[in-house]
Amino acid sequence: MMKPVLHSVSYAGLWGQHRMSLEEFIPHAARLGFAGVMLMTKRPHLSALDYDRDKVRALAHMLKEYHLSVPCLAGYNDPGVGCSTHSFDHPFDAVGHALDGGIMVALGDFAVMELGRFE
């Protein structure tokens, strides 16, 4: 069954509209009645440059608190290229781990990568 999700890019302020942080966006999506969110994996939202393990865990806790799933991350490009990671093979393995895996990452129009559970 398909469930609608709200994409955070619409709240990133990229086109002159009001900007929300992820900490503001998550409760907003829950108030609007969405079951899940698609998170933009670049600044000002879920950038691998800004999110270490602790911030990812805090994000996962907030998503669980608001009963929101993350079926997909919007990658735009491969966020692992040229990026120093935080003890993971790929920057968003931390997200997959914190959210119990099963997340798809849409890398532009050309590729999809799955983040699964790992030990």
C-alpha atoms as a PDB file:
ATOM      1  CA  MET A   1       0.000   0.000   0.000  1.00  0.00           C
ATOM      2  CA  MET A   2       1.317   3.403  -0.944  1.00  0.00           C
ATOM      3  CA  LYS A   3       1.564   6.062   1.779  1.00  0.00           C
ATOM      4  CA  PRO A   4       2.039   9.748   1.025  1.00  0.00           C
ATOM      5  CA  VAL A   5       5.129  11.365   2.518  1.00  0.00           C
ATOM      6  CA  LEU A   6       6.116  15.009   2.821  1.00  0.00           C
ATOM      7  CA  HIS A   7       9.412  16.061   1.203  1.00  0.00           C
ATOM      8  CA  SER A   8      11.545  18.406   3.313  1.00  0.00           C
ATOM      9  CA  VAL A   9      12.898  20.269   0.246  1.00  0.00           C
ATOM     10  CA  SER A  10       9.685  22.326   0.215  1.00  0.00           C
ATOM     11  CA  TYR A  11      10.618  23.677   3.638  1.00  0.00           C
ATOM     12  CA  ALA A  12      14.329  24.340   3.026  1.00  0.00           C
ATOM     13  CA  GLY A  13      13.906  27.964   1.970  1.00  0.00           C
ATOM     14  CA  LEU A  14      15.659  27.350  -1.339  1.00  0.00           C
ATOM     15  CA  TRP A  15      13.189  29.421  -3.366  1.00  0.00           C
ATOM     16  CA  GLY A  16      12.681  32.308  -0.955  1.00  0.00           C
ATOM     17  CA  GLN A  17       9.909  30.712   1.087  1.00  0.00           C
ATOM     18  CA  HIS A  18       9.956  30.262   4.863  1.00  0.00           C
ATOM     19  CA  ARG A  19      12.734  27.919   6.017  1.00  0.00           C
ATOM     20  CA  MET A  20      12.205  25.187   8.600  1.00  0.00           C
ATOM     21  CA  SER A  21      14.938  23.170  10.256  1.00  0.00           C
ATOM     22  CA  LEU A  22      14.407  19.405  10.390  1.00  0.00           C
ATOM     23  CA  GLU A  23      13.534  19.842  14.062  1.00  0.00           C
ATOM     24  CA  GLU A  24      10.668  22.143  12.983  1.00  0.00           C
ATOM     25  CA  PHE A  25       9.749  20.181   9.847  1.00  0.00           C
ATOM     26  CA  ILE A  26       9.227  16.798  11.561  1.00  0.00           C
ATOM     27  CA  PRO A  27       6.472  17.936  13.963  1.00  0.00           C
ATOM     28  CA  HIS A  28       4.934  19.979  11.126  1.00  0.00           C
ATOM     29  CA  ALA A  29       4.695  16.878   8.911  1.00  0.00           C
ATOM     30  CA  ALA A  30       3.100  14.944  11.782  1.00  0.00           C
ATOM     31  CA  ARG A  31       0.566  17.745  12.422  1.00  0.00           C
ATOM     32  CA  LEU A  32      -0.367  17.677   8.722  1.00  0.00           C
ATOM     33  CA  GLY A  33      -1.151  13.958   9.085  1.00  0.00           C
ATOM     34  CA  PHE A  34       1.639  12.440   7.007  1.00  0.00           C
ATOM     35  CA  ALA A  35       2.831   8.932   7.858  1.00  0.00           C
ATOM     36  CA  GLY A  36       6.379   9.618   6.710  1.00  0.00           C
ATOM     37  CA  VAL A  37       8.875  12.097   5.369  1.00  0.00           C
ATOM     38  CA  MET A  38      11.401  12.227   2.541  1.00  0.00           C
ATOM     39  CA  LEU A  39      14.455  14.076   3.784  1.00  0.00           C
ATOM     40  CA  MET A  40      16.663  16.240   1.588  1.00  0.00           C
ATOM     41  CA  THR A  41      20.269  15.075   2.018  1.00  0.00           C
ATOM     42  CA  LYS A  42      21.929  18.441   1.600  1.00  0.00           C
ATOM     43  CA  ARG A  43      22.129  21.637   3.568  1.00  0.00           C
ATOM     44  CA  PRO A  44      20.169  23.033   5.302  1.00  0.00           C
ATOM     45  CA  HIS A  45      18.635  19.647   6.114  1.00  0.00           C
ATOM     46  CA  LEU A  46      20.282  16.221   6.358  1.00  0.00           C
ATOM     47  CA  SER A  47      23.798  16.947   5.128  1.00  0.00           C
ATOM     48  CA  ALA A  48      26.452  14.305   5.758  1.00  0.00           C
ATOM     49  CA  LEU A  49      28.774  17.209   6.525  1.00  0.00           C
ATOM     50  CA  ASP A  50      26.638  18.206   9.514  1.00  0.00           C
ATOM     51  CA  TYR A  51      25.174  14.950  10.856  1.00  0.00           C
ATOM     52  CA  ASP A  52      27.377  12.738  13.006  1.00  0.00           C
ATOM     53  CA  ARG A  53      26.147   9.648  14.891  1.00  0.00           C
ATOM     54  CA  ASP A  54      24.734  11.673  17.785  1.00  0.00           C
ATOM     55  CA  LYS A  55      22.739  14.014  15.542  1.00  0.00           C
ATOM     56  CA  VAL A  56      21.448  11.073  13.505  1.00  0.00           C
ATOM     57  CA  ARG A  57      20.347   9.278  16.689  1.00  0.00           C
ATOM     58  CA  ALA A  58      18.587  12.439  17.909  1.00  0.00           C
ATOM     59  CA  LEU A  59      16.856  12.731  14.531  1.00  0.00           C
ATOM     60  CA  ALA A  60      15.787   9.070  14.674  1.00  0.00           C
ATOM     61  CA  HIS A  61      14.432   9.582  18.199  1.00  0.00           C
ATOM     62  CA  MET A  62      12.408  12.607  17.039  1.00  0.00           C
ATOM     63  CA  LEU A  63      11.001  10.707  14.053  1.00  0.00           C
ATOM     64  CA  LYS A  64       9.943   7.830  16.304  1.00  0.00           C
ATOM     65  CA  GLU A  65       8.441  10.277  18.817  1.00  0.00           C
ATOM     66  CA  TYR A  66       6.246  11.704  16.045  1.00  0.00           C
ATOM     67  CA  HIS A  67       5.520   8.242  14.540  1.00  0.00           C
ATOM     68  CA  LEU A  68       7.012   9.167  11.159  1.00  0.00           C
ATOM     69  CA  SER A  69       8.795   6.775   8.828  1.00  0.00           C
ATOM     70  CA  VAL A  70      11.550   7.693   6.361  1.00  0.00           C
ATOM     71  CA  PRO A  71      10.986   5.454   3.340  1.00  0.00           C
ATOM     72  CA  CYS A  72      13.276   7.548   1.152  1.00  0.00           C
ATOM     73  CA  LEU A  73      16.085  10.079   1.317  1.00  0.00           C
ATOM     74  CA  ALA A  74      16.518  12.553  -1.538  1.00  0.00           C
ATOM     75  CA  GLY A  75      20.170  12.158  -2.483  1.00  0.00           C
ATOM     76  CA  TYR A  76      20.567  14.503  -5.485  1.00  0.00           C
ATOM     77  CA  ASN A  77      24.056  13.051  -5.914  1.00  0.00           C
ATOM     78  CA  ASP A  78      26.056  10.411  -4.083  1.00  0.00           C
ATOM     79  CA  PRO A  79      26.597  12.042  -0.676  1.00  0.00           C
ATOM     80  CA  GLY A  80      29.540   9.715  -0.020  1.00  0.00           C
ATOM     81  CA  VAL A  81      31.764  11.086  -2.773  1.00  0.00           C
ATOM     82  CA  GLY A  82      34.602  13.144  -1.309  1.00  0.00           C
ATOM     83  CA  CYS A  83      33.051  13.193   2.143  1.00  0.00           C
ATOM     84  CA  SER A  84      34.801  12.179   5.332  1.00  0.00           C
ATOM     85  CA  THR A  85      32.381   9.917   7.161  1.00  0.00           C
ATOM     86  CA  HIS A  86      31.813   9.308  10.843  1.00  0.00           C
ATOM     87  CA  SER A  87      32.995   5.684  11.193  1.00  0.00           C
ATOM     88  CA  PHE A  88      30.552   4.312   8.599  1.00  0.00           C
ATOM     89  CA  ASP A  89      31.257   3.056   5.092  1.00  0.00           C
ATOM     90  CA  HIS A  90      28.787   5.562   3.678  1.00  0.00           C
ATOM     91  CA  PRO A  91      27.563   8.768   5.386  1.00  0.00           C
ATOM     92  CA  PHE A  92      23.937   7.666   5.388  1.00  0.00           C
ATOM     93  CA  ASP A  93      24.569   4.163   6.715  1.00  0.00           C
ATOM     94  CA  ALA A  94      24.215   5.926  10.074  1.00  0.00           C
ATOM     95  CA  VAL A  95      20.695   6.995   9.099  1.00  0.00           C
ATOM     96  CA  GLY A  96      19.785   3.487   7.943  1.00  0.00           C
ATOM     97  CA  HIS A  97      21.149   2.041  11.162  1.00  0.00           C
ATOM     98  CA  ALA A  98      19.415   4.549  13.442  1.00  0.00           C
ATOM     99  CA  LEU A  99      16.081   4.085  11.666  1.00  0.00           C
ATOM    100  CA  ASP A 100      16.353   0.279  11.485  1.00  0.00           C
ATOM    101  CA  GLY A 101      17.166   0.121   7.779  1.00  0.00           C
ATOM    102  CA  GLY A 102      14.947  -0.282   4.784  1.00  0.00           C
ATOM    103  CA  ILE A 103      15.526   3.269   3.527  1.00  0.00           C
ATOM    104  CA  MET A 104      15.872   3.968  -0.169  1.00  0.00           C
ATOM    105  CA  VAL A 105      18.104   6.802  -1.315  1.00  0.00           C
ATOM    106  CA  ALA A 106      17.135   8.418  -4.600  1.00  0.00           C
ATOM    107  CA  LEU A 107      20.321   9.656  -6.256  1.00  0.00           C
ATOM    108  CA  GLY A 108      18.972  12.112  -8.784  1.00  0.00           C
ATOM    109  CA  ASP A 109      17.161  10.558 -11.724  1.00  0.00           C
ATOM    110  CA  PHE A 110      19.683   7.820 -12.331  1.00  0.00           C
ATOM    111  CA  ALA A 111      20.150   5.523  -9.356  1.00  0.00           C
ATOM    112  CA  VAL A 112      18.615   4.174  -6.190  1.00  0.00           C
ATOM    113  CA  MET A 113      20.594   2.770  -3.274  1.00  0.00           C
ATOM    114  CA  GLU A 114      19.185   0.875  -0.307  1.00  0.00           C
ATOM    115  CA  LEU A 115      20.426   1.460   3.220  1.00  0.00           C
ATOM    116  CA  GLY A 116      19.907  -1.705   5.198  1.00  0.00           C
ATOM    117  CA  ARG A 117      20.613  -2.873   8.683  1.00  0.00           C
ATOM    118  CA  PHE A 118      24.142  -3.658   9.585  1.00  0.00           C
ATOM    119  CA  GLU A 119      25.747  -5.025  12.708  1.00  0.00           C
END
